[in-house]
Amino acid sequence: MEPLLAFATAMRMRQSIAEIEDAFFEEIEEDRERRERLRRRAELRQAQRHRERAHRHGSMRFFALVLVLLGTAAVVTVAMFQTLYYLLG
């Protein structure tokens, strides 16, 4: 009867080691998936920040262009009227 008890104990031990190994492999896979999700989320945030930064810089460049055009128009207008005054006056 003694060998049968030892065999049953060994089988339970093997089964519990197999369960522990299975749980370990499942946890490794879950960690791998979690890391991939975190990496993807970080990539999406970085792309979003880049788009926002590019849009903000584009808006500032457009505003600077409008100011330069208005300034150029004002200078040309003043120069034109001064030249006209000089020629007619």
N, C-alpha and C. Protein backbone atom coordinates (compact mmCIF):
# COMPACT_ATOMS: atom_id res chain seq x y z
N MET A 1 0.82 -1.18 0.00
CA MET A 1 0.00 0.00 0.00
C MET A 1 0.87 1.25 0.00
N GLU A 2 2.04 1.15 0.58
CA GLU A 2 2.95 2.30 0.67
C GLU A 2 3.37 2.81 -0.70
N PRO A 3 3.76 1.97 -1.65
CA PRO A 3 4.17 2.47 -2.97
C PRO A 3 3.02 3.17 -3.70
N LEU A 4 1.81 2.70 -3.49
CA LEU A 4 0.66 3.33 -4.13
C LEU A 4 0.47 4.75 -3.61
N LEU A 5 0.66 4.98 -2.34
CA LEU A 5 0.53 6.30 -1.73
C LEU A 5 1.62 7.23 -2.25
N ALA A 6 2.83 6.73 -2.36
CA ALA A 6 3.95 7.53 -2.88
C ALA A 6 3.68 7.89 -4.34
N PHE A 7 3.15 6.94 -5.12
CA PHE A 7 2.85 7.21 -6.52
C PHE A 7 1.77 8.29 -6.65
N ALA A 8 0.75 8.22 -5.82
CA ALA A 8 -0.33 9.21 -5.87
C ALA A 8 0.21 10.59 -5.50
N THR A 9 1.06 10.64 -4.48
CA THR A 9 1.65 11.91 -4.08
C THR A 9 2.52 12.49 -5.19
N ALA A 10 3.30 11.64 -5.84
CA ALA A 10 4.16 12.08 -6.95
C ALA A 10 3.32 12.58 -8.11
N MET A 11 2.23 11.90 -8.40
CA MET A 11 1.36 12.33 -9.50
C MET A 11 0.73 13.68 -9.19
N ARG A 12 0.29 13.86 -7.94
CA ARG A 12 -0.29 15.17 -7.56
C ARG A 12 0.77 16.26 -7.67
N MET A 13 1.99 15.94 -7.26
CA MET A 13 3.06 16.92 -7.31
C MET A 13 3.36 17.28 -8.77
N ARG A 14 3.41 16.28 -9.65
CA ARG A 14 3.65 16.55 -11.08
C ARG A 14 2.52 17.40 -11.65
N GLN A 15 1.30 17.07 -11.23
CA GLN A 15 0.17 17.83 -11.74
C GLN A 15 0.24 19.27 -11.25
N SER A 16 0.60 19.50 -10.00
CA SER A 16 0.66 20.87 -9.50
C SER A 16 1.82 21.62 -10.15
N ILE A 17 2.95 20.95 -10.43
CA ILE A 17 4.06 21.60 -11.12
C ILE A 17 3.62 21.98 -12.54
N ALA A 18 2.88 21.10 -13.20
CA ALA A 18 2.38 21.39 -14.54
C ALA A 18 1.43 22.58 -14.50
N GLU A 19 0.58 22.63 -13.48
CA GLU A 19 -0.34 23.76 -13.34
C GLU A 19 0.43 25.06 -13.12
N ILE A 20 1.47 24.99 -12.29
CA ILE A 20 2.30 26.17 -12.03
C ILE A 20 2.98 26.63 -13.32
N GLU A 21 3.51 25.67 -14.09
CA GLU A 21 4.15 26.02 -15.35
C GLU A 21 3.16 26.64 -16.32
N ASP A 22 1.96 26.06 -16.40
CA ASP A 22 0.93 26.63 -17.28
C ASP A 22 0.57 28.05 -16.87
N ALA A 23 0.40 28.25 -15.56
CA ALA A 23 0.08 29.59 -15.08
C ALA A 23 1.22 30.56 -15.38
N PHE A 24 2.46 30.08 -15.25
CA PHE A 24 3.62 30.92 -15.53
C PHE A 24 3.64 31.33 -17.00
N PHE A 25 3.40 30.38 -17.90
CA PHE A 25 3.40 30.69 -19.33
C PHE A 25 2.25 31.63 -19.69
N GLU A 26 1.09 31.43 -19.04
CA GLU A 26 -0.03 32.35 -19.28
C GLU A 26 0.31 33.76 -18.82
N GLU A 27 0.95 33.87 -17.66
CA GLU A 27 1.34 35.18 -17.15
C GLU A 27 2.38 35.84 -18.06
N ILE A 28 3.31 35.06 -18.58
CA ILE A 28 4.30 35.60 -19.52
C ILE A 28 3.59 36.15 -20.75
N GLU A 29 2.62 35.42 -21.27
CA GLU A 29 1.89 35.86 -22.45
C GLU A 29 1.07 37.12 -22.16
N GLU A 30 0.44 37.16 -20.99
CA GLU A 30 -0.33 38.35 -20.61
C GLU A 30 0.59 39.56 -20.48
N ASP A 31 1.77 39.37 -19.88
CA ASP A 31 2.73 40.47 -19.77
C ASP A 31 3.17 40.96 -21.15
N ARG A 32 3.41 40.02 -22.04
CA ARG A 32 3.82 40.38 -23.40
C ARG A 32 2.73 41.20 -24.09
N GLU A 33 1.47 40.77 -23.95
CA GLU A 33 0.35 41.50 -24.55
C GLU A 33 0.19 42.88 -23.91
N ARG A 34 0.36 42.95 -22.58
CA ARG A 34 0.24 44.23 -21.88
C ARG A 34 1.33 45.19 -22.33
N ARG A 35 2.55 44.70 -22.46
CA ARG A 35 3.65 45.54 -22.93
C ARG A 35 3.38 46.06 -24.34
N GLU A 36 2.83 45.19 -25.18
CA GLU A 36 2.52 45.60 -26.55
C GLU A 36 1.43 46.67 -26.57
N ARG A 37 0.41 46.49 -25.72
CA ARG A 37 -0.66 47.51 -25.63
C ARG A 37 -0.09 48.84 -25.15
N LEU A 38 0.76 48.78 -24.12
CA LEU A 38 1.36 50.02 -23.61
C LEU A 38 2.24 50.70 -24.66
N ARG A 39 3.02 49.90 -25.39
CA ARG A 39 3.88 50.47 -26.44
C ARG A 39 3.03 51.12 -27.52
N ARG A 40 1.96 50.45 -27.94
CA ARG A 40 1.08 50.99 -28.98
C ARG A 40 0.41 52.28 -28.50
N ARG A 41 -0.04 52.28 -27.24
CA ARG A 41 -0.68 53.48 -26.70
C ARG A 41 0.31 54.64 -26.64
N ALA A 42 1.54 54.36 -26.27
CA ALA A 42 2.57 55.40 -26.24
C ALA A 42 2.85 55.93 -27.64
N GLU A 43 2.88 55.04 -28.63
CA GLU A 43 3.08 55.48 -30.01
C GLU A 43 1.94 56.39 -30.47
N LEU A 44 0.71 56.02 -30.11
CA LEU A 44 -0.44 56.84 -30.50
C LEU A 44 -0.39 58.21 -29.84
N ARG A 45 0.00 58.25 -28.55
CA ARG A 45 0.11 59.54 -27.86
C ARG A 45 1.19 60.40 -28.51
N GLN A 46 2.31 59.78 -28.85
CA GLN A 46 3.40 60.52 -29.48
C GLN A 46 2.97 61.07 -30.84
N ALA A 47 2.27 60.28 -31.62
CA ALA A 47 1.78 60.75 -32.92
C ALA A 47 0.80 61.89 -32.75
N GLN A 48 -0.07 61.80 -31.73
CA GLN A 48 -1.04 62.86 -31.46
C GLN A 48 -0.32 64.15 -31.08
N ARG A 49 0.71 64.04 -30.21
CA ARG A 49 1.47 65.23 -29.82
C ARG A 49 2.17 65.84 -31.02
N HIS A 50 2.69 65.00 -31.90
CA HIS A 50 3.37 65.50 -33.09
C HIS A 50 2.39 66.25 -33.99
N ARG A 51 1.19 65.69 -34.19
CA ARG A 51 0.17 66.37 -35.01
C ARG A 51 -0.22 67.71 -34.42
N GLU A 52 -0.44 67.74 -33.09
CA GLU A 52 -0.81 68.99 -32.44
C GLU A 52 0.30 70.03 -32.56
N ARG A 53 1.55 69.60 -32.38
CA ARG A 53 2.69 70.51 -32.48
C ARG A 53 2.81 71.05 -33.91
N ALA A 54 2.66 70.18 -34.90
CA ALA A 54 2.74 70.60 -36.30
C ALA A 54 1.62 71.58 -36.63
N HIS A 55 0.43 71.32 -36.13
CA HIS A 55 -0.70 72.23 -36.37
C HIS A 55 -0.44 73.59 -35.72
N ARG A 56 0.06 73.57 -34.49
CA ARG A 56 0.33 74.82 -33.78
C ARG A 56 1.41 75.62 -34.51
N HIS A 57 2.47 74.96 -34.94
CA HIS A 57 3.55 75.64 -35.65
C HIS A 57 3.05 76.16 -37.00
N GLY A 58 2.19 75.39 -37.66
CA GLY A 58 1.62 75.82 -38.93
C GLY A 58 0.77 77.07 -38.75
N SER A 59 -0.01 77.11 -37.67
CA SER A 59 -0.85 78.28 -37.40
C SER A 59 0.01 79.51 -37.13
N MET A 60 1.10 79.33 -36.37
CA MET A 60 1.99 80.47 -36.08
C MET A 60 2.66 80.96 -37.37
N ARG A 61 3.07 80.06 -38.23
CA ARG A 61 3.70 80.47 -39.50
C ARG A 61 2.70 81.21 -40.37
N PHE A 62 1.46 80.75 -40.40
CA PHE A 62 0.43 81.43 -41.19
C PHE A 62 0.19 82.84 -40.65
N PHE A 63 0.11 82.97 -39.34
CA PHE A 63 -0.08 84.28 -38.72
C PHE A 63 1.09 85.21 -39.06
N ALA A 64 2.32 84.69 -39.01
CA ALA A 64 3.50 85.49 -39.37
C ALA A 64 3.44 85.90 -40.84
N LEU A 65 3.01 85.00 -41.71
CA LEU A 65 2.88 85.33 -43.13
C LEU A 65 1.86 86.44 -43.35
N VAL A 66 0.73 86.36 -42.67
CA VAL A 66 -0.29 87.41 -42.80
C VAL A 66 0.27 88.75 -42.33
N LEU A 67 1.00 88.76 -41.20
CA LEU A 67 1.58 90.01 -40.71
C LEU A 67 2.60 90.58 -41.70
N VAL A 68 3.42 89.74 -42.27
CA VAL A 68 4.42 90.20 -43.25
C VAL A 68 3.74 90.76 -44.48
N LEU A 69 2.70 90.10 -44.96
CA LEU A 69 1.98 90.60 -46.13
C LEU A 69 1.31 91.94 -45.84
N LEU A 70 0.70 92.06 -44.68
CA LEU A 70 0.07 93.34 -44.32
C LEU A 70 1.12 94.44 -44.19
N GLY A 71 2.24 94.12 -43.56
CA GLY A 71 3.32 95.11 -43.43
C GLY A 71 3.87 95.52 -44.78
N THR A 72 4.06 94.55 -45.66
CA THR A 72 4.54 94.85 -47.01
C THR A 72 3.55 95.73 -47.76
N ALA A 73 2.27 95.41 -47.66
CA ALA A 73 1.25 96.22 -48.32
C ALA A 73 1.26 97.65 -47.78
N ALA A 74 1.41 97.81 -46.47
CA ALA A 74 1.44 99.15 -45.87
C ALA A 74 2.67 99.93 -46.36
N VAL A 75 3.84 99.30 -46.37
CA VAL A 75 5.07 99.98 -46.81
C VAL A 75 4.97 100.37 -48.29
N VAL A 76 4.47 99.46 -49.11
CA VAL A 76 4.33 99.76 -50.55
C VAL A 76 3.33 100.89 -50.76
N THR A 77 2.24 100.89 -50.02
CA THR A 77 1.24 101.95 -50.16
C THR A 77 1.84 103.30 -49.77
N VAL A 78 2.54 103.36 -48.66
CA VAL A 78 3.16 104.62 -48.22
C VAL A 78 4.19 105.08 -49.24
N ALA A 79 5.03 104.17 -49.71
CA ALA A 79 6.06 104.53 -50.69
C ALA A 79 5.42 105.00 -51.99
N MET A 80 4.34 104.37 -52.40
CA MET A 80 3.66 104.76 -53.63
C MET A 80 3.10 106.18 -53.53
N PHE A 81 2.44 106.48 -52.41
CA PHE A 81 1.88 107.82 -52.27
C PHE A 81 2.97 108.88 -52.10
N GLN A 82 4.07 108.55 -51.43
CA GLN A 82 5.16 109.52 -51.33
C GLN A 82 5.78 109.78 -52.71
N THR A 83 5.94 108.74 -53.49
CA THR A 83 6.48 108.91 -54.85
C THR A 83 5.52 109.73 -55.70
N LEU A 84 4.24 109.43 -55.59
CA LEU A 84 3.24 110.20 -56.32
C LEU A 84 3.22 111.65 -55.89
N TYR A 85 3.34 111.93 -54.63
CA TYR A 85 3.41 113.31 -54.10
C TYR A 85 4.66 114.00 -54.62
N TYR A 86 5.80 113.26 -54.64
CA TYR A 86 7.06 113.83 -55.13
C TYR A 86 6.97 114.16 -56.62
N LEU A 87 6.33 113.27 -57.40
CA LEU A 87 6.24 113.48 -58.84
C LEU A 87 5.24 114.58 -59.21
N LEU A 88 4.16 114.68 -58.47
CA LEU A 88 3.13 115.67 -58.78
C LEU A 88 3.31 116.98 -58.02
N GLY A 89 4.10 116.97 -57.01
CA GLY A 89 4.22 118.13 -56.14
C GLY A 89 5.37 118.99 -56.42
